[in-house]
């Protein structure tokens, strides 16, 4: 088997999507596809997903899985667009997505009929298990912290970490969303650091700090030695304190509310084509106008 990885970058949301395939058998998976969305006009289009589809068809690949590392809070998932093009492919996510669905069902006041058992997805993946995608084999690694349901996917020496780890000069994902935990993230990253040091970690986003060129992969060794947020010798207590303080000053992602309510539904758009935007879910702890609490953006 010859494993190949093709990378796709969405500049609007800084998101990395991947096509991983066996060049001999043409078996393939997609990881974290994007559906394009412009919030000002509430406009959807499919340029990013179409690029993935064209690549898969051009290579004559057999798509087995559309893998989500978690319910993203910064972009809408393009999984349903991929599913339309490749009906045999399974949309899959970590089994703890049910916890995230339960949390956000309340946040968005979703109808009682909205299921929180993960049944919107074709398959819920169990941490610690190995799955087959034709000739491809991958392990599911639990990496909660950013959300309770984050999973990483390990194909041979390549791990796709989603938002648990960014490039070493960017650090780790944030932990301040409902259900997030800096303590859990520390433990998750340490489990990744226990992998062989030449294991390659492919990240879910890159924000190109300092204007550097796009980067999306670093080894476990590079992270252990150089990750600015969590080198291997940083204590759990120190990291947790730092992460919580840093997250307290971060703004909410621009597409948080649009993304999550679509992504907990396996990338499906609301049947009536309306998105719900809650007010002051992240209410300031104190305000001179507590009953109104309007924030400047």
C-alpha atoms as a PDB file:
ATOM      1  CA  UNK A   1       0.000   0.000   0.000  1.00  0.00           C
ATOM      2  CA  UNK A   2       1.209   3.490  -0.902  1.00  0.00           C
ATOM      3  CA  UNK A   3      -0.524   6.112   1.225  1.00  0.00           C
ATOM      4  CA  UNK A   4      -0.880   9.606  -0.249  1.00  0.00           C
ATOM      5  CA  UNK A   5      -2.162  12.800   1.377  1.00  0.00           C
ATOM      6  CA  UNK A   6      -3.472  15.820  -0.517  1.00  0.00           C
ATOM      7  CA  UNK A   7      -4.039  19.068   1.384  1.00  0.00           C
ATOM      8  CA  UNK A   8      -6.680  21.728   0.718  1.00  0.00           C
ATOM      9  CA  UNK A   9      -6.702  25.120   2.460  1.00  0.00           C
ATOM     10  CA  UNK A  10      -9.697  27.422   2.849  1.00  0.00           C
ATOM     11  CA  UNK A  11      -8.290  30.932   3.258  1.00  0.00           C
ATOM     12  CA  UNK A  12     -11.596  32.354   4.499  1.00  0.00           C
ATOM     13  CA  UNK A  13     -11.695  30.161   7.609  1.00  0.00           C
ATOM     14  CA  UNK A  14      -8.031  29.095   7.792  1.00  0.00           C
ATOM     15  CA  UNK A  15      -9.235  25.490   7.604  1.00  0.00           C
ATOM     16  CA  UNK A  16      -7.276  22.519   6.303  1.00  0.00           C
ATOM     17  CA  UNK A  17      -9.103  19.625   4.677  1.00  0.00           C
ATOM     18  CA  UNK A  18      -7.409  16.439   3.572  1.00  0.00           C
ATOM     19  CA  UNK A  19      -7.863  13.631   1.076  1.00  0.00           C
ATOM     20  CA  UNK A  20      -5.954  10.529   2.125  1.00  0.00           C
ATOM     21  CA  UNK A  21      -5.847   7.615  -0.297  1.00  0.00           C
ATOM     22  CA  UNK A  22      -4.079   4.422  -1.322  1.00  0.00           C
ATOM     23  CA  UNK A  23      -2.555   5.108  -4.743  1.00  0.00           C
ATOM     24  CA  UNK A  24      -2.642   1.391  -5.581  1.00  0.00           C
ATOM     25  CA  UNK A  25      -6.231   0.492  -4.668  1.00  0.00           C
ATOM     26  CA  UNK A  26      -7.705   4.048  -4.989  1.00  0.00           C
ATOM     27  CA  UNK A  27      -9.462   3.707  -1.620  1.00  0.00           C
ATOM     28  CA  UNK A  28      -9.850   7.106   0.074  1.00  0.00           C
ATOM     29  CA  UNK A  29     -11.180   9.171   2.952  1.00  0.00           C
ATOM     30  CA  UNK A  30     -11.825  12.895   3.332  1.00  0.00           C
ATOM     31  CA  UNK A  31     -11.141  14.694   6.606  1.00  0.00           C
ATOM     32  CA  UNK A  32     -12.944  17.916   7.631  1.00  0.00           C
ATOM     33  CA  UNK A  33     -14.498  19.245   4.390  1.00  0.00           C
ATOM     34  CA  UNK A  34     -15.721  22.866   4.250  1.00  0.00           C
ATOM     35  CA  UNK A  35     -18.990  24.400   3.064  1.00  0.00           C
ATOM     36  CA  UNK A  36     -18.429  28.043   2.064  1.00  0.00           C
ATOM     37  CA  UNK A  37     -20.514  30.619   3.914  1.00  0.00           C
ATOM     38  CA  UNK A  38     -20.563  34.410   3.997  1.00  0.00           C
ATOM     39  CA  UNK A  39     -22.355  35.626   7.146  1.00  0.00           C
ATOM     40  CA  UNK A  40     -23.048  39.223   6.073  1.00  0.00           C
ATOM     41  CA  UNK A  41     -25.247  38.095   3.191  1.00  0.00           C
ATOM     42  CA  UNK A  42     -25.944  34.646   4.708  1.00  0.00           C
ATOM     43  CA  UNK A  43     -24.754  33.210   1.417  1.00  0.00           C
ATOM     44  CA  UNK A  44     -23.770  29.583   0.870  1.00  0.00           C
ATOM     45  CA  UNK A  45     -21.770  28.133  -1.965  1.00  0.00           C
ATOM     46  CA  UNK A  46     -19.766  24.968  -2.619  1.00  0.00           C
ATOM     47  CA  UNK A  47     -16.412  26.020  -4.058  1.00  0.00           C
ATOM     48  CA  UNK A  48     -14.335  24.257  -1.380  1.00  0.00           C
ATOM     49  CA  UNK A  49     -16.335  21.019  -1.509  1.00  0.00           C
ATOM     50  CA  UNK A  50     -16.371  21.096  -5.309  1.00  0.00           C
ATOM     51  CA  UNK A  51     -12.581  21.232  -5.300  1.00  0.00           C
ATOM     52  CA  UNK A  52     -12.456  18.087  -3.166  1.00  0.00           C
ATOM     53  CA  UNK A  53     -15.004  16.343  -5.386  1.00  0.00           C
ATOM     54  CA  UNK A  54     -13.105  17.237  -8.549  1.00  0.00           C
ATOM     55  CA  UNK A  55      -9.871  15.904  -7.068  1.00  0.00           C
ATOM     56  CA  UNK A  56     -11.452  12.616  -5.958  1.00  0.00           C
ATOM     57  CA  UNK A  57     -13.132  12.080  -9.318  1.00  0.00           C
ATOM     58  CA  UNK A  58     -10.012  13.123 -11.219  1.00  0.00           C
ATOM     59  CA  UNK A  59      -7.965  10.531  -9.348  1.00  0.00           C
ATOM     60  CA  UNK A  60     -10.771   7.947  -9.746  1.00  0.00           C
ATOM     61  CA  UNK A  61     -10.770   7.342  -5.998  1.00  0.00           C
ATOM     62  CA  UNK A  62     -13.318   5.290  -4.051  1.00  0.00           C
ATOM     63  CA  UNK A  63     -14.419   7.419  -1.119  1.00  0.00           C
ATOM     64  CA  UNK A  64     -15.271   5.317   1.936  1.00  0.00           C
ATOM     65  CA  UNK A  65     -15.462   7.855   4.781  1.00  0.00           C
ATOM     66  CA  UNK A  66     -16.055  11.565   5.306  1.00  0.00           C
ATOM     67  CA  UNK A  67     -14.412  12.011   8.703  1.00  0.00           C
ATOM     68  CA  UNK A  68     -15.150  14.913  11.038  1.00  0.00           C
ATOM     69  CA  UNK A  69     -12.650  15.509  13.838  1.00  0.00           C
ATOM     70  CA  UNK A  70     -15.348  17.372  15.824  1.00  0.00           C
ATOM     71  CA  UNK A  71     -18.351  19.686  15.465  1.00  0.00           C
ATOM     72  CA  UNK A  72     -16.467  22.705  14.178  1.00  0.00           C
ATOM     73  CA  UNK A  73     -17.213  26.179  15.514  1.00  0.00           C
ATOM     74  CA  UNK A  74     -15.483  28.192  12.791  1.00  0.00           C
ATOM     75  CA  UNK A  75     -16.804  26.783   9.519  1.00  0.00           C
ATOM     76  CA  UNK A  76     -19.753  24.866   8.197  1.00  0.00           C
ATOM     77  CA  UNK A  77     -19.071  21.267   7.263  1.00  0.00           C
ATOM     78  CA  UNK A  78     -19.204  20.294   3.599  1.00  0.00           C
ATOM     79  CA  UNK A  79     -19.910  16.659   4.473  1.00  0.00           C
ATOM     80  CA  UNK A  80     -23.392  16.595   2.953  1.00  0.00           C
ATOM     81  CA  UNK A  81     -22.093  17.986  -0.351  1.00  0.00           C
ATOM     82  CA  UNK A  82     -19.510  15.197  -0.459  1.00  0.00           C
ATOM     83  CA  UNK A  83     -22.196  12.673   0.475  1.00  0.00           C
ATOM     84  CA  UNK A  84     -24.360  13.796  -2.446  1.00  0.00           C
ATOM     85  CA  UNK A  85     -21.458  13.234  -4.828  1.00  0.00           C
ATOM     86  CA  UNK A  86     -20.400   9.930  -3.244  1.00  0.00           C
ATOM     87  CA  UNK A  87     -23.503   8.304  -1.705  1.00  0.00           C
ATOM     88  CA  UNK A  88     -21.633   5.188  -0.568  1.00  0.00           C
ATOM     89  CA  UNK A  89     -19.296   7.214   1.678  1.00  0.00           C
ATOM     90  CA  UNK A  90     -20.110   7.295   5.384  1.00  0.00           C
ATOM     91  CA  UNK A  91     -20.160  10.546   7.369  1.00  0.00           C
ATOM     92  CA  UNK A  92     -18.482   9.657  10.661  1.00  0.00           C
ATOM     93  CA  UNK A  93     -17.519  11.407  13.891  1.00  0.00           C
ATOM     94  CA  UNK A  94     -16.459  10.473  17.424  1.00  0.00           C
ATOM     95  CA  UNK A  95     -19.187   8.867  19.540  1.00  0.00           C
ATOM     96  CA  UNK A  96     -19.171  11.661  22.133  1.00  0.00           C
ATOM     97  CA  UNK A  97     -20.841  13.977  19.614  1.00  0.00           C
ATOM     98  CA  UNK A  98     -24.017  13.061  21.509  1.00  0.00           C
ATOM     99  CA  UNK A  99     -22.813  15.176  24.440  1.00  0.00           C
ATOM    100  CA  UNK A 100     -22.233  18.156  22.161  1.00  0.00           C
ATOM    101  CA  UNK A 101     -25.661  17.715  20.578  1.00  0.00           C
ATOM    102  CA  UNK A 102     -27.280  17.709  24.001  1.00  0.00           C
ATOM    103  CA  UNK A 103     -25.469  20.904  25.009  1.00  0.00           C
ATOM    104  CA  UNK A 104     -26.294  22.853  21.863  1.00  0.00           C
ATOM    105  CA  UNK A 105     -29.861  21.606  21.569  1.00  0.00           C
ATOM    106  CA  UNK A 106     -30.511  23.866  24.525  1.00  0.00           C
ATOM    107  CA  UNK A 107     -28.350  26.730  23.283  1.00  0.00           C
ATOM    108  CA  UNK A 108     -30.235  26.912  19.978  1.00  0.00           C
ATOM    109  CA  UNK A 109     -33.645  25.938  21.380  1.00  0.00           C
ATOM    110  CA  UNK A 110     -33.836  23.141  18.835  1.00  0.00           C
ATOM    111  CA  UNK A 111     -37.134  21.245  18.577  1.00  0.00           C
ATOM    112  CA  UNK A 112     -37.858  18.307  20.839  1.00  0.00           C
ATOM    113  CA  UNK A 113     -37.651  16.047  17.779  1.00  0.00           C
ATOM    114  CA  UNK A 114     -33.987  16.931  17.210  1.00  0.00           C
ATOM    115  CA  UNK A 115     -32.141  13.702  18.083  1.00  0.00           C
ATOM    116  CA  UNK A 116     -29.157  13.786  20.409  1.00  0.00           C
ATOM    117  CA  UNK A 117     -28.133  10.192  19.826  1.00  0.00           C
ATOM    118  CA  UNK A 118     -25.797  10.912  16.914  1.00  0.00           C
ATOM    119  CA  UNK A 119     -28.164   9.274  14.435  1.00  0.00           C
ATOM    120  CA  UNK A 120     -27.678  12.118  11.937  1.00  0.00           C
ATOM    121  CA  UNK A 121     -24.249  10.633  11.227  1.00  0.00           C
ATOM    122  CA  UNK A 122     -23.790   7.380   9.331  1.00  0.00           C
ATOM    123  CA  UNK A 123     -21.378   6.055  11.922  1.00  0.00           C
ATOM    124  CA  UNK A 124     -20.192   7.026  15.400  1.00  0.00           C
ATOM    125  CA  UNK A 125     -16.555   6.081  15.917  1.00  0.00           C
ATOM    126  CA  UNK A 126     -15.384   4.519  19.151  1.00  0.00           C
ATOM    127  CA  UNK A 127     -12.104   5.703  20.670  1.00  0.00           C
ATOM    128  CA  UNK A 128      -9.468   2.995  20.735  1.00  0.00           C
ATOM    129  CA  UNK A 129     -10.984   1.077  17.841  1.00  0.00           C
ATOM    130  CA  UNK A 130      -9.538   0.445  14.384  1.00  0.00           C
ATOM    131  CA  UNK A 131     -11.649   0.934  11.256  1.00  0.00           C
ATOM    132  CA  UNK A 132     -11.230  -0.099   7.642  1.00  0.00           C
ATOM    133  CA  UNK A 133     -11.751   2.084   4.588  1.00  0.00           C
ATOM    134  CA  UNK A 134     -11.067  -0.456   1.882  1.00  0.00           C
ATOM    135  CA  UNK A 135      -7.334  -1.101   2.041  1.00  0.00           C
ATOM    136  CA  UNK A 136      -6.864   1.819   4.427  1.00  0.00           C
ATOM    137  CA  UNK A 137      -6.840   1.244   8.174  1.00  0.00           C
ATOM    138  CA  UNK A 138      -7.152   3.956  10.816  1.00  0.00           C
ATOM    139  CA  UNK A 139      -7.226   4.202  14.592  1.00  0.00           C
ATOM    140  CA  UNK A 140      -9.564   6.555  16.446  1.00  0.00           C
ATOM    141  CA  UNK A 141      -7.842   8.533  19.210  1.00  0.00           C
ATOM    142  CA  UNK A 142      -9.901  10.440  21.782  1.00  0.00           C
ATOM    143  CA  UNK A 143      -8.545  13.999  22.130  1.00  0.00           C
ATOM    144  CA  UNK A 144     -11.244  15.882  24.097  1.00  0.00           C
ATOM    145  CA  UNK A 145     -10.656  19.340  25.484  1.00  0.00           C
ATOM    146  CA  UNK A 146     -11.496  21.709  22.648  1.00  0.00           C
ATOM    147  CA  UNK A 147     -14.879  19.952  22.719  1.00  0.00           C
ATOM    148  CA  UNK A 148     -15.858  16.718  24.485  1.00  0.00           C
ATOM    149  CA  UNK A 149     -16.156  14.911  21.145  1.00  0.00           C
ATOM    150  CA  UNK A 150     -12.827  15.695  19.495  1.00  0.00           C
ATOM    151  CA  UNK A 151     -11.189  12.714  17.816  1.00  0.00           C
ATOM    152  CA  UNK A 152      -7.901  12.338  15.989  1.00  0.00           C
ATOM    153  CA  UNK A 153      -7.432   9.792  13.225  1.00  0.00           C
ATOM    154  CA  UNK A 154      -4.205   7.826  12.842  1.00  0.00           C
ATOM    155  CA  UNK A 155      -3.313   6.343   9.470  1.00  0.00           C
ATOM    156  CA  UNK A 156       0.055   4.595   9.774  1.00  0.00           C
ATOM    157  CA  UNK A 157       2.474   7.396  10.802  1.00  0.00           C
ATOM    158  CA  UNK A 158       0.025  10.235  10.041  1.00  0.00           C
ATOM    159  CA  UNK A 159      -2.326  11.653  12.684  1.00  0.00           C
ATOM    160  CA  UNK A 160      -5.020  14.213  11.871  1.00  0.00           C
ATOM    161  CA  UNK A 161      -5.466  16.171  15.090  1.00  0.00           C
ATOM    162  CA  UNK A 162      -8.306  18.561  14.237  1.00  0.00           C
ATOM    163  CA  UNK A 163      -8.159  21.468  16.714  1.00  0.00           C
ATOM    164  CA  UNK A 164      -6.344  19.685  19.534  1.00  0.00           C
ATOM    165  CA  UNK A 165      -2.945  20.751  18.208  1.00  0.00           C
ATOM    166  CA  UNK A 166      -1.986  23.505  15.806  1.00  0.00           C
ATOM    167  CA  UNK A 167       1.487  24.008  14.362  1.00  0.00           C
ATOM    168  CA  UNK A 168       4.182  24.295  17.063  1.00  0.00           C
ATOM    169  CA  UNK A 169       4.366  28.087  16.650  1.00  0.00           C
ATOM    170  CA  UNK A 170       0.574  28.318  17.173  1.00  0.00           C
ATOM    171  CA  UNK A 171       0.122  25.922  20.104  1.00  0.00           C
ATOM    172  CA  UNK A 172      -3.213  24.258  20.855  1.00  0.00           C
ATOM    173  CA  UNK A 173      -6.906  24.785  20.349  1.00  0.00           C
ATOM    174  CA  UNK A 174      -8.989  26.832  22.777  1.00  0.00           C
ATOM    175  CA  UNK A 175     -11.083  25.206  25.503  1.00  0.00           C
ATOM    176  CA  UNK A 176     -13.735  27.781  26.425  1.00  0.00           C
ATOM    177  CA  UNK A 177     -16.669  26.472  24.404  1.00  0.00           C
ATOM    178  CA  UNK A 178     -19.479  24.697  26.295  1.00  0.00           C
ATOM    179  CA  UNK A 179     -18.147  21.312  27.371  1.00  0.00           C
ATOM    180  CA  UNK A 180     -14.526  22.279  26.730  1.00  0.00           C
ATOM    181  CA  UNK A 181     -11.808  21.519  29.271  1.00  0.00           C
ATOM    182  CA  UNK A 182      -8.206  22.673  29.471  1.00  0.00           C
ATOM    183  CA  UNK A 183      -7.501  19.761  31.806  1.00  0.00           C
ATOM    184  CA  UNK A 184      -8.817  17.293  29.227  1.00  0.00           C
ATOM    185  CA  UNK A 185      -6.850  18.953  26.446  1.00  0.00           C
ATOM    186  CA  UNK A 186      -3.601  18.647  28.383  1.00  0.00           C
ATOM    187  CA  UNK A 187      -4.209  14.930  28.870  1.00  0.00           C
ATOM    188  CA  UNK A 188      -5.155  14.518  25.201  1.00  0.00           C
ATOM    189  CA  UNK A 189      -2.003  16.195  23.945  1.00  0.00           C
ATOM    190  CA  UNK A 190       0.142  14.118  26.279  1.00  0.00           C
ATOM    191  CA  UNK A 191      -1.393  10.994  24.734  1.00  0.00           C
ATOM    192  CA  UNK A 192      -0.421  12.286  21.297  1.00  0.00           C
ATOM    193  CA  UNK A 193       3.090  13.021  22.591  1.00  0.00           C
ATOM    194  CA  UNK A 194       3.381   9.371  23.679  1.00  0.00           C
ATOM    195  CA  UNK A 195       3.271   8.301  20.013  1.00  0.00           C
ATOM    196  CA  UNK A 196       6.584   7.583  18.233  1.00  0.00           C
ATOM    197  CA  UNK A 197       8.508  10.840  17.838  1.00  0.00           C
ATOM    198  CA  UNK A 198       8.550  10.651  14.033  1.00  0.00           C
ATOM    199  CA  UNK A 199       4.729  10.456  13.877  1.00  0.00           C
ATOM    200  CA  UNK A 200       3.438  13.275  11.662  1.00  0.00           C
ATOM    201  CA  UNK A 201       0.619  15.422  13.045  1.00  0.00           C
ATOM    202  CA  UNK A 202      -1.564  17.167  10.442  1.00  0.00           C
ATOM    203  CA  UNK A 203      -3.442  20.125  11.913  1.00  0.00           C
ATOM    204  CA  UNK A 204      -6.965  21.404  11.330  1.00  0.00           C
ATOM    205  CA  UNK A 205      -6.116  25.091  10.970  1.00  0.00           C
ATOM    206  CA  UNK A 206      -3.157  27.310  10.255  1.00  0.00           C
ATOM    207  CA  UNK A 207      -3.239  31.066  10.873  1.00  0.00           C
ATOM    208  CA  UNK A 208       0.264  31.730   9.485  1.00  0.00           C
ATOM    209  CA  UNK A 209       1.569  33.796  12.438  1.00  0.00           C
ATOM    210  CA  UNK A 210       4.018  36.524  11.554  1.00  0.00           C
ATOM    211  CA  UNK A 211       3.062  36.219   7.906  1.00  0.00           C
ATOM    212  CA  UNK A 212       4.910  32.924   7.393  1.00  0.00           C
ATOM    213  CA  UNK A 213       3.845  30.562   4.639  1.00  0.00           C
ATOM    214  CA  UNK A 214       1.136  27.961   5.145  1.00  0.00           C
ATOM    215  CA  UNK A 215       2.221  24.982   7.254  1.00  0.00           C
ATOM    216  CA  UNK A 216       0.148  21.986   8.256  1.00  0.00           C
ATOM    217  CA  UNK A 217       2.336  19.124   9.494  1.00  0.00           C
ATOM    218  CA  UNK A 218       4.932  18.667  12.238  1.00  0.00           C
ATOM    219  CA  UNK A 219       6.303  15.626  14.019  1.00  0.00           C
ATOM    220  CA  UNK A 220       5.591  14.594  17.589  1.00  0.00           C
ATOM    221  CA  UNK A 221       9.229  15.363  18.352  1.00  0.00           C
ATOM    222  CA  UNK A 222       8.858  18.917  17.012  1.00  0.00           C
ATOM    223  CA  UNK A 223       5.741  19.472  19.109  1.00  0.00           C
ATOM    224  CA  UNK A 224       7.264  18.004  22.263  1.00  0.00           C
ATOM    225  CA  UNK A 225      10.269  20.318  21.969  1.00  0.00           C
ATOM    226  CA  UNK A 226       8.828  23.472  20.393  1.00  0.00           C
ATOM    227  CA  UNK A 227       5.074  23.784  20.850  1.00  0.00           C
ATOM    228  CA  UNK A 228       4.662  27.302  22.217  1.00  0.00           C
ATOM    229  CA  UNK A 229       1.616  26.437  24.331  1.00  0.00           C
ATOM    230  CA  UNK A 230       2.422  22.938  25.459  1.00  0.00           C
ATOM    231  CA  UNK A 231       5.969  21.615  25.244  1.00  0.00           C
ATOM    232  CA  UNK A 232       6.319  18.189  26.803  1.00  0.00           C
ATOM    233  CA  UNK A 233       7.955  19.529  29.961  1.00  0.00           C
ATOM    234  CA  UNK A 234       5.180  22.004  30.838  1.00  0.00           C
ATOM    235  CA  UNK A 235       3.194  21.009  33.901  1.00  0.00           C
ATOM    236  CA  UNK A 236      -0.522  20.290  33.730  1.00  0.00           C
ATOM    237  CA  UNK A 237      -1.257  22.953  36.334  1.00  0.00           C
ATOM    238  CA  UNK A 238       0.730  25.615  34.488  1.00  0.00           C
ATOM    239  CA  UNK A 239      -0.850  24.834  31.122  1.00  0.00           C
ATOM    240  CA  UNK A 240      -4.390  24.770  32.494  1.00  0.00           C
ATOM    241  CA  UNK A 241      -3.914  28.121  34.233  1.00  0.00           C
ATOM    242  CA  UNK A 242      -2.405  29.683  31.099  1.00  0.00           C
ATOM    243  CA  UNK A 243      -5.022  28.237  28.736  1.00  0.00           C
ATOM    244  CA  UNK A 244      -7.944  29.445  30.848  1.00  0.00           C
ATOM    245  CA  UNK A 245      -6.507  32.947  31.179  1.00  0.00           C
ATOM    246  CA  UNK A 246      -5.802  33.170  27.462  1.00  0.00           C
ATOM    247  CA  UNK A 247      -9.231  31.862  26.467  1.00  0.00           C
ATOM    248  CA  UNK A 248     -10.952  34.397  28.711  1.00  0.00           C
ATOM    249  CA  UNK A 249      -9.687  37.174  26.436  1.00  0.00           C
ATOM    250  CA  UNK A 250     -10.546  35.578  23.091  1.00  0.00           C
ATOM    251  CA  UNK A 251     -13.484  36.687  20.977  1.00  0.00           C
ATOM    252  CA  UNK A 252     -16.017  34.110  19.839  1.00  0.00           C
ATOM    253  CA  UNK A 253     -15.341  32.717  16.339  1.00  0.00           C
ATOM    254  CA  UNK A 254     -17.150  34.704  13.651  1.00  0.00           C
ATOM    255  CA  UNK A 255     -19.161  31.693  12.479  1.00  0.00           C
ATOM    256  CA  UNK A 256     -19.661  30.028  15.870  1.00  0.00           C
ATOM    257  CA  UNK A 257     -23.459  29.960  15.959  1.00  0.00           C
ATOM    258  CA  UNK A 258     -23.970  29.284  12.262  1.00  0.00           C
ATOM    259  CA  UNK A 259     -21.397  26.502  12.244  1.00  0.00           C
ATOM    260  CA  UNK A 260     -22.259  24.543  15.348  1.00  0.00           C
ATOM    261  CA  UNK A 261     -25.993  24.225  14.734  1.00  0.00           C
ATOM    262  CA  UNK A 262     -25.290  22.840  11.250  1.00  0.00           C
ATOM    263  CA  UNK A 263     -22.367  20.661  12.256  1.00  0.00           C
ATOM    264  CA  UNK A 264     -24.077  18.892  15.175  1.00  0.00           C
ATOM    265  CA  UNK A 265     -26.632  17.869  12.525  1.00  0.00           C
ATOM    266  CA  UNK A 266     -23.935  16.180  10.375  1.00  0.00           C
ATOM    267  CA  UNK A 267     -23.620  19.214   8.104  1.00  0.00           C
ATOM    268  CA  UNK A 268     -27.321  19.301   7.216  1.00  0.00           C
ATOM    269  CA  UNK A 269     -28.923  22.696   6.728  1.00  0.00           C
ATOM    270  CA  UNK A 270     -32.184  23.450   8.545  1.00  0.00           C
ATOM    271  CA  UNK A 271     -35.138  22.247   6.481  1.00  0.00           C
ATOM    272  CA  UNK A 272     -36.703  25.705   6.558  1.00  0.00           C
ATOM    273  CA  UNK A 273     -33.372  27.288   5.610  1.00  0.00           C
ATOM    274  CA  UNK A 274     -33.216  29.495   8.712  1.00  0.00           C
ATOM    275  CA  UNK A 275     -30.311  29.617  11.153  1.00  0.00           C
ATOM    276  CA  UNK A 276     -30.816  30.639  14.787  1.00  0.00           C
ATOM    277  CA  UNK A 277     -28.530  33.243  16.339  1.00  0.00           C
ATOM    278  CA  UNK A 278     -28.863  33.310  20.141  1.00  0.00           C
ATOM    279  CA  UNK A 279     -28.306  36.576  22.022  1.00  0.00           C
ATOM    280  CA  UNK A 280     -25.807  36.930  24.850  1.00  0.00           C
ATOM    281  CA  UNK A 281     -25.123  33.255  25.326  1.00  0.00           C
ATOM    282  CA  UNK A 282     -21.667  34.455  26.369  1.00  0.00           C
ATOM    283  CA  UNK A 283     -23.023  37.209  28.630  1.00  0.00           C
ATOM    284  CA  UNK A 284     -20.416  39.374  30.384  1.00  0.00           C
ATOM    285  CA  UNK A 285     -20.020  38.490  34.040  1.00  0.00           C
ATOM    286  CA  UNK A 286     -20.799  42.054  35.074  1.00  0.00           C
ATOM    287  CA  UNK A 287     -22.425  44.980  33.298  1.00  0.00           C
ATOM    288  CA  UNK A 288     -23.889  48.352  34.147  1.00  0.00           C
ATOM    289  CA  UNK A 289     -26.810  47.365  31.950  1.00  0.00           C
ATOM    290  CA  UNK A 290     -27.287  43.735  33.024  1.00  0.00           C
ATOM    291  CA  UNK A 291     -30.816  43.524  31.634  1.00  0.00           C
ATOM    292  CA  UNK A 292     -29.705  44.572  28.167  1.00  0.00           C
ATOM    293  CA  UNK A 293     -26.007  43.662  27.999  1.00  0.00           C
ATOM    294  CA  UNK A 294     -25.431  44.783  24.417  1.00  0.00           C
ATOM    295  CA  UNK A 295     -21.801  44.306  23.433  1.00  0.00           C
ATOM    296  CA  UNK A 296     -19.903  46.316  20.829  1.00  0.00           C
ATOM    297  CA  UNK A 297     -18.366  44.152  18.160  1.00  0.00           C
END
